[in-house]
Every structure is written in C-alpha cells, then in structure tokens.
Amino acid sequence: MTVKKIPMRRCVGCMESHPQKDMIRVAWDGERLAVDTTGRAKGRGVYFCRNSECIEKAKKSRGLNRSFKRGFSEEETDGIFRELLMLVKEV
C-alpha cells in the first residue's frame, strides 16, 4: 500500500510550511487579486496560515507584492488583507 503524499505550502507571512488544506489561498489571474476559498481559482496563488499574526506580518512586509513580483496599490492589498482577517476570525 502506498502512502499518500500531503501537499505542503509556505506561508507568505511566517515563511513556514504547512499542509495545503490548512491554509488560505490568494490568487492573481493577471487582472485582479482575490481570496480563493475553494483553492481552485485560476491564476498564480500564494498561501497564508489561518493566523492573524501571519497576515499582519505579510501586510507589513508587503508579502503580496514580493510573492507576485508586482507593485499592487495599497487599496488592492488592503481589501484582500481585510477579507483574510475576517476569514480567520470566523474559524
């Protein structure tokens, strides 16, 4: 019997690896940023821990700009970080 491999992803905030299913994905499809709750949205994605400290750390260090190698405006990223924090508080 083969052991099924668990996909691991690195958090943009704390830079630690965790199982993919335990993380929140943010996708960029070339036009806009969006929080991907399904994990199936088109485009390039980055992952965040379900931890408000990691999200705040990524916001402060401009983690989305670094990960996507883009210069997103503060309005775009603020909306995403607000949505991420609301998702974390629901859990």
PDB file of N, CA and C in Angstrom:
ATOM      1  N   MET A   1       0.843  -1.175   0.000  1.00  0.00           N
ATOM      2  CA  MET A   1       0.000   0.000   0.000  1.00  0.00           C
ATOM      3  C   MET A   1       0.893   1.244   0.000  1.00  0.00           C
ATOM      4  N   THR A   2       0.554   2.200  -0.857  1.00  0.00           N
ATOM      5  CA  THR A   2       1.352   3.419  -0.928  1.00  0.00           C
ATOM      6  C   THR A   2       0.802   4.475   0.027  1.00  0.00           C
ATOM      7  N   VAL A   3       1.704   5.256   0.545  1.00  0.00           N
ATOM      8  CA  VAL A   3       1.327   6.340   1.447  1.00  0.00           C
ATOM      9  C   VAL A   3       1.067   7.577   0.601  1.00  0.00           C
ATOM     10  N   LYS A   4      -0.087   8.204   0.799  1.00  0.00           N
ATOM     11  CA  LYS A   4      -0.447   9.383   0.020  1.00  0.00           C
ATOM     12  C   LYS A   4       0.332  10.590   0.532  1.00  0.00           C
ATOM     13  N   LYS A   5       0.950  11.312  -0.382  1.00  0.00           N
ATOM     14  CA  LYS A   5       1.750  12.475  -0.033  1.00  0.00           C
ATOM     15  C   LYS A   5       0.844  13.680   0.239  1.00  0.00           C
ATOM     16  N   ILE A   6       1.125  14.400   1.303  1.00  0.00           N
ATOM     17  CA  ILE A   6       0.336  15.585   1.668  1.00  0.00           C
ATOM     18  C   ILE A   6       1.013  16.808   1.066  1.00  0.00           C
ATOM     19  N   PRO A   7       0.298  17.575   0.207  1.00  0.00           N
ATOM     20  CA  PRO A   7       0.911  18.770  -0.370  1.00  0.00           C
ATOM     21  C   PRO A   7       1.147  19.838   0.698  1.00  0.00           C
ATOM     22  N   MET A   8       2.349  20.385   0.696  1.00  0.00           N
ATOM     23  CA  MET A   8       2.736  21.416   1.653  1.00  0.00           C
ATOM     24  C   MET A   8       2.896  22.743   0.923  1.00  0.00           C
ATOM     25  N   ARG A   9       2.526  23.833   1.603  1.00  0.00           N
ATOM     26  CA  ARG A   9       2.674  25.171   1.032  1.00  0.00           C
ATOM     27  C   ARG A   9       3.315  26.076   2.085  1.00  0.00           C
ATOM     28  N   ARG A  10       4.039  27.089   1.614  1.00  0.00           N
ATOM     29  CA  ARG A  10       4.733  28.018   2.504  1.00  0.00           C
ATOM     30  C   ARG A  10       3.900  29.278   2.701  1.00  0.00           C
ATOM     31  N   CYS A  11       3.761  29.688   3.945  1.00  0.00           N
ATOM     32  CA  CYS A  11       3.007  30.893   4.293  1.00  0.00           C
ATOM     33  C   CYS A  11       3.806  32.132   3.900  1.00  0.00           C
ATOM     34  N   VAL A  12       3.125  33.117   3.308  1.00  0.00           N
ATOM     35  CA  VAL A  12       3.763  34.366   2.907  1.00  0.00           C
ATOM     36  C   VAL A  12       4.175  35.182   4.131  1.00  0.00           C
ATOM     37  N   GLY A  13       3.471  35.031   5.239  1.00  0.00           N
ATOM     38  CA  GLY A  13       3.750  35.815   6.438  1.00  0.00           C
ATOM     39  C   GLY A  13       4.891  35.265   7.263  1.00  0.00           C
ATOM     40  N   CYS A  14       4.750  34.026   7.732  1.00  0.00           N
ATOM     41  CA  CYS A  14       5.744  33.454   8.646  1.00  0.00           C
ATOM     42  C   CYS A  14       6.812  32.628   7.934  1.00  0.00           C
ATOM     43  N   MET A  15       6.605  32.346   6.657  1.00  0.00           N
ATOM     44  CA  MET A  15       7.541  31.567   5.841  1.00  0.00           C
ATOM     45  C   MET A  15       7.743  30.132   6.351  1.00  0.00           C
ATOM     46  N   GLU A  16       6.721  29.577   7.005  1.00  0.00           N
ATOM     47  CA  GLU A  16       6.765  28.193   7.455  1.00  0.00           C
ATOM     48  C   GLU A  16       5.859  27.357   6.574  1.00  0.00           C
ATOM     49  N   SER A  17       6.222  26.085   6.376  1.00  0.00           N
ATOM     50  CA  SER A  17       5.423  25.188   5.543  1.00  0.00           C
ATOM     51  C   SER A  17       4.364  24.484   6.379  1.00  0.00           C
ATOM     52  N   HIS A  18       3.152  24.382   5.803  1.00  0.00           N
ATOM     53  CA  HIS A  18       2.024  23.724   6.444  1.00  0.00           C
ATOM     54  C   HIS A  18       1.255  22.948   5.373  1.00  0.00           C
ATOM     55  N   PRO A  19       0.411  21.988   5.780  1.00  0.00           N
ATOM     56  CA  PRO A  19      -0.421  21.298   4.793  1.00  0.00           C
ATOM     57  C   PRO A  19      -1.318  22.283   4.043  1.00  0.00           C
ATOM     58  N   GLN A  20      -1.458  22.079   2.756  1.00  0.00           N
ATOM     59  CA  GLN A  20      -2.208  22.992   1.894  1.00  0.00           C
ATOM     60  C   GLN A  20      -3.647  23.173   2.363  1.00  0.00           C
ATOM     61  N   LYS A  21      -4.277  22.114   2.841  1.00  0.00           N
ATOM     62  CA  LYS A  21      -5.688  22.196   3.238  1.00  0.00           C
ATOM     63  C   LYS A  21      -5.906  23.075   4.468  1.00  0.00           C
ATOM     64  N   ASP A  22      -4.841  23.344   5.222  1.00  0.00           N
ATOM     65  CA  ASP A  22      -4.955  24.177   6.429  1.00  0.00           C
ATOM     66  C   ASP A  22      -4.712  25.654   6.153  1.00  0.00           C
ATOM     67  N   MET A  23      -4.517  26.015   4.883  1.00  0.00           N
ATOM     68  CA  MET A  23      -4.135  27.385   4.556  1.00  0.00           C
ATOM     69  C   MET A  23      -5.179  28.073   3.682  1.00  0.00           C
ATOM     70  N   ILE A  24      -5.059  29.403   3.577  1.00  0.00           N
ATOM     71  CA  ILE A  24      -5.951  30.215   2.745  1.00  0.00           C
ATOM     72  C   ILE A  24      -5.153  30.681   1.537  1.00  0.00           C
ATOM     73  N   ARG A  25      -5.735  30.557   0.366  1.00  0.00           N
ATOM     74  CA  ARG A  25      -5.051  30.928  -0.874  1.00  0.00           C
ATOM     75  C   ARG A  25      -5.533  32.284  -1.372  1.00  0.00           C
ATOM     76  N   VAL A  26      -4.593  33.086  -1.884  1.00  0.00           N
ATOM     77  CA  VAL A  26      -4.901  34.341  -2.570  1.00  0.00           C
ATOM     78  C   VAL A  26      -4.409  34.165  -3.997  1.00  0.00           C
ATOM     79  N   ALA A  27      -5.296  34.390  -4.964  1.00  0.00           N
ATOM     80  CA  ALA A  27      -4.959  34.179  -6.369  1.00  0.00           C
ATOM     81  C   ALA A  27      -4.900  35.498  -7.126  1.00  0.00           C
ATOM     82  N   TRP A  28      -4.017  35.546  -8.105  1.00  0.00           N
ATOM     83  CA  TRP A  28      -3.916  36.688  -9.017  1.00  0.00           C
ATOM     84  C   TRP A  28      -3.971  36.134 -10.430  1.00  0.00           C
ATOM     85  N   ASP A  29      -5.017  36.520 -11.182  1.00  0.00           N
ATOM     86  CA  ASP A  29      -5.226  35.975 -12.526  1.00  0.00           C
ATOM     87  C   ASP A  29      -4.695  36.884 -13.634  1.00  0.00           C
ATOM     88  N   GLY A  30      -3.882  37.858 -13.279  1.00  0.00           N
ATOM     89  CA  GLY A  30      -3.336  38.782 -14.263  1.00  0.00           C
ATOM     90  C   GLY A  30      -4.088  40.094 -14.314  1.00  0.00           C
ATOM     91  N   GLU A  31      -5.287  40.107 -13.720  1.00  0.00           N
ATOM     92  CA  GLU A  31      -6.102  41.316 -13.714  1.00  0.00           C
ATOM     93  C   GLU A  31      -6.447  41.782 -12.307  1.00  0.00           C
ATOM     94  N   ARG A  32      -6.740  40.833 -11.419  1.00  0.00           N
ATOM     95  CA  ARG A  32      -7.148  41.227 -10.075  1.00  0.00           C
ATOM     96  C   ARG A  32      -6.740  40.183  -9.045  1.00  0.00           C
ATOM     97  N   LEU A  33      -6.621  40.651  -7.820  1.00  0.00           N
ATOM     98  CA  LEU A  33      -6.355  39.781  -6.676  1.00  0.00           C
ATOM     99  C   LEU A  33      -7.675  39.322  -6.093  1.00  0.00           C
ATOM    100  N   ALA A  34      -7.711  38.090  -5.603  1.00  0.00           N
ATOM    101  CA  ALA A  34      -8.926  37.585  -4.964  1.00  0.00           C
ATOM    102  C   ALA A  34      -8.571  36.512  -3.949  1.00  0.00           C
ATOM    103  N   VAL A  35      -9.309  36.489  -2.847  1.00  0.00           N
ATOM    104  CA  VAL A  35      -9.161  35.414  -1.868  1.00  0.00           C
ATOM    105  C   VAL A  35      -9.878  34.202  -2.437  1.00  0.00           C
ATOM    106  N   ASP A  36      -9.169  33.100  -2.508  1.00  0.00           N
ATOM    107  CA  ASP A  36      -9.686  31.874  -3.124  1.00  0.00           C
ATOM    108  C   ASP A  36     -10.045  30.871  -2.030  1.00  0.00           C
ATOM    109  N   THR A  37     -11.297  30.838  -1.639  1.00  0.00           N
ATOM    110  CA  THR A  37     -11.722  29.927  -0.572  1.00  0.00           C
ATOM    111  C   THR A  37     -11.832  28.478  -1.056  1.00  0.00           C
ATOM    112  N   THR A  38     -11.991  28.271  -2.364  1.00  0.00           N
ATOM    113  CA  THR A  38     -12.121  26.918  -2.897  1.00  0.00           C
ATOM    114  C   THR A  38     -10.773  26.276  -3.204  1.00  0.00           C
ATOM    115  N   GLY A  39      -9.763  27.107  -3.445  1.00  0.00           N
ATOM    116  CA  GLY A  39      -8.453  26.578  -3.815  1.00  0.00           C
ATOM    117  C   GLY A  39      -8.370  26.191  -5.274  1.00  0.00           C
ATOM    118  N   ARG A  40      -9.357  26.580  -6.077  1.00  0.00           N
ATOM    119  CA  ARG A  40      -9.418  26.183  -7.482  1.00  0.00           C
ATOM    120  C   ARG A  40      -9.432  27.357  -8.457  1.00  0.00           C
ATOM    121  N   ALA A  41      -9.302  28.578  -7.971  1.00  0.00           N
ATOM    122  CA  ALA A  41      -9.363  29.748  -8.853  1.00  0.00           C
ATOM    123  C   ALA A  41      -8.181  29.744  -9.818  1.00  0.00           C
ATOM    124  N   LYS A  42      -8.407  30.310 -10.991  1.00  0.00           N
ATOM    125  CA  LYS A  42      -7.351  30.387 -11.991  1.00  0.00           C
ATOM    126  C   LYS A  42      -6.311  31.402 -11.559  1.00  0.00           C
ATOM    127  N   GLY A  43      -5.112  31.199 -12.030  1.00  0.00           N
ATOM    128  CA  GLY A  43      -4.048  32.152 -11.787  1.00  0.00           C
ATOM    129  C   GLY A  43      -3.036  31.668 -10.776  1.00  0.00           C
ATOM    130  N   ARG A  44      -2.058  32.507 -10.568  1.00  0.00           N
ATOM    131  CA  ARG A  44      -0.987  32.217  -9.627  1.00  0.00           C
ATOM    132  C   ARG A  44      -1.494  32.436  -8.206  1.00  0.00           C
ATOM    133  N   GLY A  45      -1.060  31.605  -7.287  1.00  0.00           N
ATOM    134  CA  GLY A  45      -1.552  31.712  -5.926  1.00  0.00           C
ATOM    135  C   GLY A  45      -0.454  31.721  -4.883  1.00  0.00           C
ATOM    136  N   VAL A  46      -0.754  32.359  -3.772  1.00  0.00           N
ATOM    137  CA  VAL A  46       0.102  32.320  -2.590  1.00  0.00           C
ATOM    138  C   VAL A  46      -0.772  31.937  -1.401  1.00  0.00           C
ATOM    139  N   TYR A  47      -0.133  31.481  -0.336  1.00  0.00           N
ATOM    140  CA  TYR A  47      -0.880  30.928   0.788  1.00  0.00           C
ATOM    141  C   TYR A  47      -0.563  31.653   2.094  1.00  0.00           C
ATOM    142  N   PHE A  48      -1.571  31.668   2.968  1.00  0.00           N
ATOM    143  CA  PHE A  48      -1.456  32.273   4.288  1.00  0.00           C
ATOM    144  C   PHE A  48      -1.916  31.273   5.334  1.00  0.00           C
ATOM    145  N   CYS A  49      -1.254  31.272   6.496  1.00  0.00           N
ATOM    146  CA  CYS A  49      -1.722  30.492   7.647  1.00  0.00           C
ATOM    147  C   CYS A  49      -3.063  31.064   8.100  1.00  0.00           C
ATOM    148  N   ARG A  50      -3.806  30.283   8.803  1.00  0.00           N
ATOM    149  CA  ARG A  50      -5.066  30.779   9.387  1.00  0.00           C
ATOM    150  C   ARG A  50      -4.744  31.408  10.745  1.00  0.00           C
ATOM    151  N   ASN A  51      -3.919  32.454  10.691  1.00  0.00           N
ATOM    152  CA  ASN A  51      -3.411  33.100  11.884  1.00  0.00           C
ATOM    153  C   ASN A  51      -3.314  34.595  11.600  1.00  0.00           C
ATOM    154  N   SER A  52      -3.946  35.402  12.416  1.00  0.00           N
ATOM    155  CA  SER A  52      -3.959  36.846  12.163  1.00  0.00           C
ATOM    156  C   SER A  52      -2.566  37.461  12.262  1.00  0.00           C
ATOM    157  N   GLU A  53      -1.681  36.890  13.082  1.00  0.00           N
ATOM    158  CA  GLU A  53      -0.315  37.411  13.200  1.00  0.00           C
ATOM    159  C   GLU A  53       0.440  37.258  11.879  1.00  0.00           C
ATOM    160  N   CYS A  54       0.269  36.134  11.204  1.00  0.00           N
ATOM    161  CA  CYS A  54       0.935  35.907   9.918  1.00  0.00           C
ATOM    162  C   CYS A  54       0.403  36.879   8.859  1.00  0.00           C
ATOM    163  N   ILE A  55      -0.880  37.118   8.885  1.00  0.00           N
ATOM    164  CA  ILE A  55      -1.486  38.027   7.910  1.00  0.00           C
ATOM    165  C   ILE A  55      -0.979  39.448   8.135  1.00  0.00           C
ATOM    166  N   GLU A  56      -0.907  39.867   9.388  1.00  0.00           N
ATOM    167  CA  GLU A  56      -0.389  41.207   9.706  1.00  0.00           C
ATOM    168  C   GLU A  56       1.084  41.331   9.314  1.00  0.00           C
ATOM    169  N   LYS A  57       1.851  40.269   9.548  1.00  0.00           N
ATOM    170  CA  LYS A  57       3.268  40.287   9.192  1.00  0.00           C
ATOM    171  C   LYS A  57       3.446  40.407   7.680  1.00  0.00           C
ATOM    172  N   ALA A  58       2.624  39.700   6.909  1.00  0.00           N
ATOM    173  CA  ALA A  58       2.701  39.768   5.448  1.00  0.00           C
ATOM    174  C   ALA A  58       2.295  41.151   4.948  1.00  0.00           C
ATOM    175  N   LYS A  59       1.323  41.759   5.603  1.00  0.00           N
ATOM    176  CA  LYS A  59       0.888  43.105   5.220  1.00  0.00           C
ATOM    177  C   LYS A  59       2.011  44.108   5.451  1.00  0.00           C
ATOM    178  N   LYS A  60       2.642  44.002   6.599  1.00  0.00           N
ATOM    179  CA  LYS A  60       3.707  44.926   6.956  1.00  0.00           C
ATOM    180  C   LYS A  60       4.929  44.770   6.043  1.00  0.00           C
ATOM    181  N   SER A  61       5.248  43.543   5.663  1.00  0.00           N
ATOM    182  CA  SER A  61       6.422  43.290   4.828  1.00  0.00           C
ATOM    183  C   SER A  61       6.112  43.307   3.331  1.00  0.00           C
ATOM    184  N   ARG A  62       4.875  43.696   2.979  1.00  0.00           N
ATOM    185  CA  ARG A  62       4.433  43.761   1.587  1.00  0.00           C
ATOM    186  C   ARG A  62       4.620  42.397   0.900  1.00  0.00           C
ATOM    187  N   GLY A  63       4.153  41.359   1.583  1.00  0.00           N
ATOM    188  CA  GLY A  63       4.322  39.990   1.124  1.00  0.00           C
ATOM    189  C   GLY A  63       3.662  39.673  -0.201  1.00  0.00           C
ATOM    190  N   LEU A  64       2.486  40.267  -0.476  1.00  0.00           N
ATOM    191  CA  LEU A  64       1.821  40.004  -1.757  1.00  0.00           C
ATOM    192  C   LEU A  64       2.629  40.592  -2.911  1.00  0.00           C
ATOM    193  N   ASN A  65       3.134  41.796  -2.742  1.00  0.00           N
ATOM    194  CA  ASN A  65       3.953  42.409  -3.795  1.00  0.00           C
ATOM    195  C   ASN A  65       5.204  41.581  -4.052  1.00  0.00           C
ATOM    196  N   ARG A  66       5.826  41.110  -2.995  1.00  0.00           N
ATOM    197  CA  ARG A  66       7.047  40.310  -3.125  1.00  0.00           C
ATOM    198  C   ARG A  66       6.762  38.970  -3.796  1.00  0.00           C
ATOM    199  N   SER A  67       5.701  38.306  -3.376  1.00  0.00           N
ATOM    200  CA  SER A  67       5.394  36.974  -3.893  1.00  0.00           C
ATOM    201  C   SER A  67       4.975  36.989  -5.358  1.00  0.00           C
ATOM    202  N   PHE A  68       4.178  37.990  -5.737  1.00  0.00           N
ATOM    203  CA  PHE A  68       3.711  38.076  -7.118  1.00  0.00           C
ATOM    204  C   PHE A  68       4.643  38.893  -8.008  1.00  0.00           C
ATOM    205  N   LYS A  69       5.679  39.495  -7.404  1.00  0.00           N
ATOM    206  CA  LYS A  69       6.623  40.335  -8.139  1.00  0.00           C
ATOM    207  C   LYS A  69       5.901  41.439  -8.909  1.00  0.00           C
ATOM    208  N   ARG A  70       4.966  42.078  -8.211  1.00  0.00           N
ATOM    209  CA  ARG A  70       4.155  43.157  -8.785  1.00  0.00           C
ATOM    210  C   ARG A  70       4.112  44.317  -7.798  1.00  0.00           C
ATOM    211  N   GLY A  71       3.686  45.455  -8.287  1.00  0.00           N
ATOM    212  CA  GLY A  71       3.520  46.618  -7.420  1.00  0.00           C
ATOM    213  C   GLY A  71       2.046  46.929  -7.234  1.00  0.00           C
ATOM    214  N   PHE A  72       1.362  46.123  -6.425  1.00  0.00           N
ATOM    215  CA  PHE A  72      -0.063  46.349  -6.189  1.00  0.00           C
ATOM    216  C   PHE A  72      -0.261  47.623  -5.384  1.00  0.00           C
ATOM    217  N   SER A  73      -1.369  48.317  -5.652  1.00  0.00           N
ATOM    218  CA  SER A  73      -1.669  49.521  -4.879  1.00  0.00           C
ATOM    219  C   SER A  73      -2.102  49.117  -3.472  1.00  0.00           C
ATOM    220  N   GLU A  74      -1.999  50.058  -2.562  1.00  0.00           N
ATOM    221  CA  GLU A  74      -2.370  49.790  -1.179  1.00  0.00           C
ATOM    222  C   GLU A  74      -3.857  49.492  -1.048  1.00  0.00           C
ATOM    223  N   GLU A  75      -4.702  50.114  -1.907  1.00  0.00           N
ATOM    224  CA  GLU A  75      -6.147  49.843  -1.861  1.00  0.00           C
ATOM    225  C   GLU A  75      -6.449  48.396  -2.213  1.00  0.00           C
ATOM    226  N   GLU A  76      -5.748  47.863  -3.229  1.00  0.00           N
ATOM    227  CA  GLU A  76      -5.973  46.472  -3.631  1.00  0.00           C
ATOM    228  C   GLU A  76      -5.602  45.512  -2.502  1.00  0.00           C
ATOM    229  N   THR A  77      -4.426  45.707  -1.933  1.00  0.00           N
ATOM    230  CA  THR A  77      -3.961  44.773  -0.910  1.00  0.00           C
ATOM    231  C   THR A  77      -4.722  44.933   0.403  1.00  0.00           C
ATOM    232  N   ASP A  78      -5.135  46.165   0.751  1.00  0.00           N
ATOM    233  CA  ASP A  78      -5.890  46.362   1.990  1.00  0.00           C
ATOM    234  C   ASP A  78      -7.197  45.576   1.978  1.00  0.00           C
ATOM    235  N   GLY A  79      -7.890  45.562   0.843  1.00  0.00           N
ATOM    236  CA  GLY A  79      -9.131  44.803   0.727  1.00  0.00           C
ATOM    237  C   GLY A  79      -8.910  43.313   0.924  1.00  0.00           C
ATOM    238  N   ILE A  80      -7.833  42.804   0.347  1.00  0.00           N
ATOM    239  CA  ILE A  80      -7.507  41.375   0.476  1.00  0.00           C
ATOM    240  C   ILE A  80      -7.174  41.038   1.928  1.00  0.00           C
ATOM    241  N   PHE A  81      -6.348  41.868   2.564  1.00  0.00           N
ATOM    242  CA  PHE A  81      -5.976  41.598   3.955  1.00  0.00           C
ATOM    243  C   PHE A  81      -7.175  41.703   4.894  1.00  0.00           C
ATOM    244  N   ARG A  82      -8.090  42.630   4.620  1.00  0.00           N
ATOM    245  CA  ARG A  82      -9.318  42.733   5.428  1.00  0.00           C
ATOM    246  C   ARG A  82     -10.142  41.455   5.305  1.00  0.00           C
ATOM    247  N   GLU A  83     -10.275  40.965   4.070  1.00  0.00           N
ATOM    248  CA  GLU A  83     -11.046  39.736   3.833  1.00  0.00           C
ATOM    249  C   GLU A  83     -10.374  38.529   4.502  1.00  0.00           C
ATOM    250  N   LEU A  84      -9.050  38.461   4.438  1.00  0.00           N
ATOM    251  CA  LEU A  84      -8.324  37.370   5.092  1.00  0.00           C
ATOM    252  C   LEU A  84      -8.531  37.392   6.602  1.00  0.00           C
ATOM    253  N   LEU A  85      -8.460  38.571   7.193  1.00  0.00           N
ATOM    254  CA  LEU A  85      -8.651  38.677   8.647  1.00  0.00           C
ATOM    255  C   LEU A  85     -10.064  38.286   9.055  1.00  0.00           C
ATOM    256  N   MET A  86     -11.059  38.617   8.215  1.00  0.00           N
ATOM    257  CA  MET A  86     -12.433  38.207   8.524  1.00  0.00           C
ATOM    258  C   MET A  86     -12.574  36.690   8.453  1.00  0.00           C
ATOM    259  N   LEU A  87     -11.923  36.058   7.483  1.00  0.00           N
ATOM    260  CA  LEU A  87     -11.970  34.589   7.369  1.00  0.00           C
ATOM    261  C   LEU A  87     -11.322  33.916   8.590  1.00  0.00           C
ATOM    262  N   VAL A  88     -10.229  34.483   9.059  1.00  0.00           N
ATOM    263  CA  VAL A  88      -9.522  33.904  10.207  1.00  0.00           C
ATOM    264  C   VAL A  88     -10.373  34.041  11.463  1.00  0.00           C
ATOM    265  N   LYS A  89     -11.063  35.157  11.630  1.00  0.00           N
ATOM    266  CA  LYS A  89     -11.873  35.383  12.831  1.00  0.00           C
ATOM    267  C   LYS A  89     -13.108  34.498  12.860  1.00  0.00           C
ATOM    268  N   GLU A  90     -13.581  34.065  11.675  1.00  0.00           N
ATOM    269  CA  GLU A  90     -14.757  33.183  11.616  1.00  0.00           C
ATOM    270  C   GLU A  90     -14.444  31.802  12.157  1.00  0.00           C
ATOM    271  N   VAL A  91     -13.221  31.356  11.971  1.00  0.00           N
ATOM    272  CA  VAL A  91     -12.836  29.993  12.355  1.00  0.00           C
ATOM    273  C   VAL A  91     -12.653  29.836  13.811  1.00  0.00           C
TER     274      VAL A  91
END
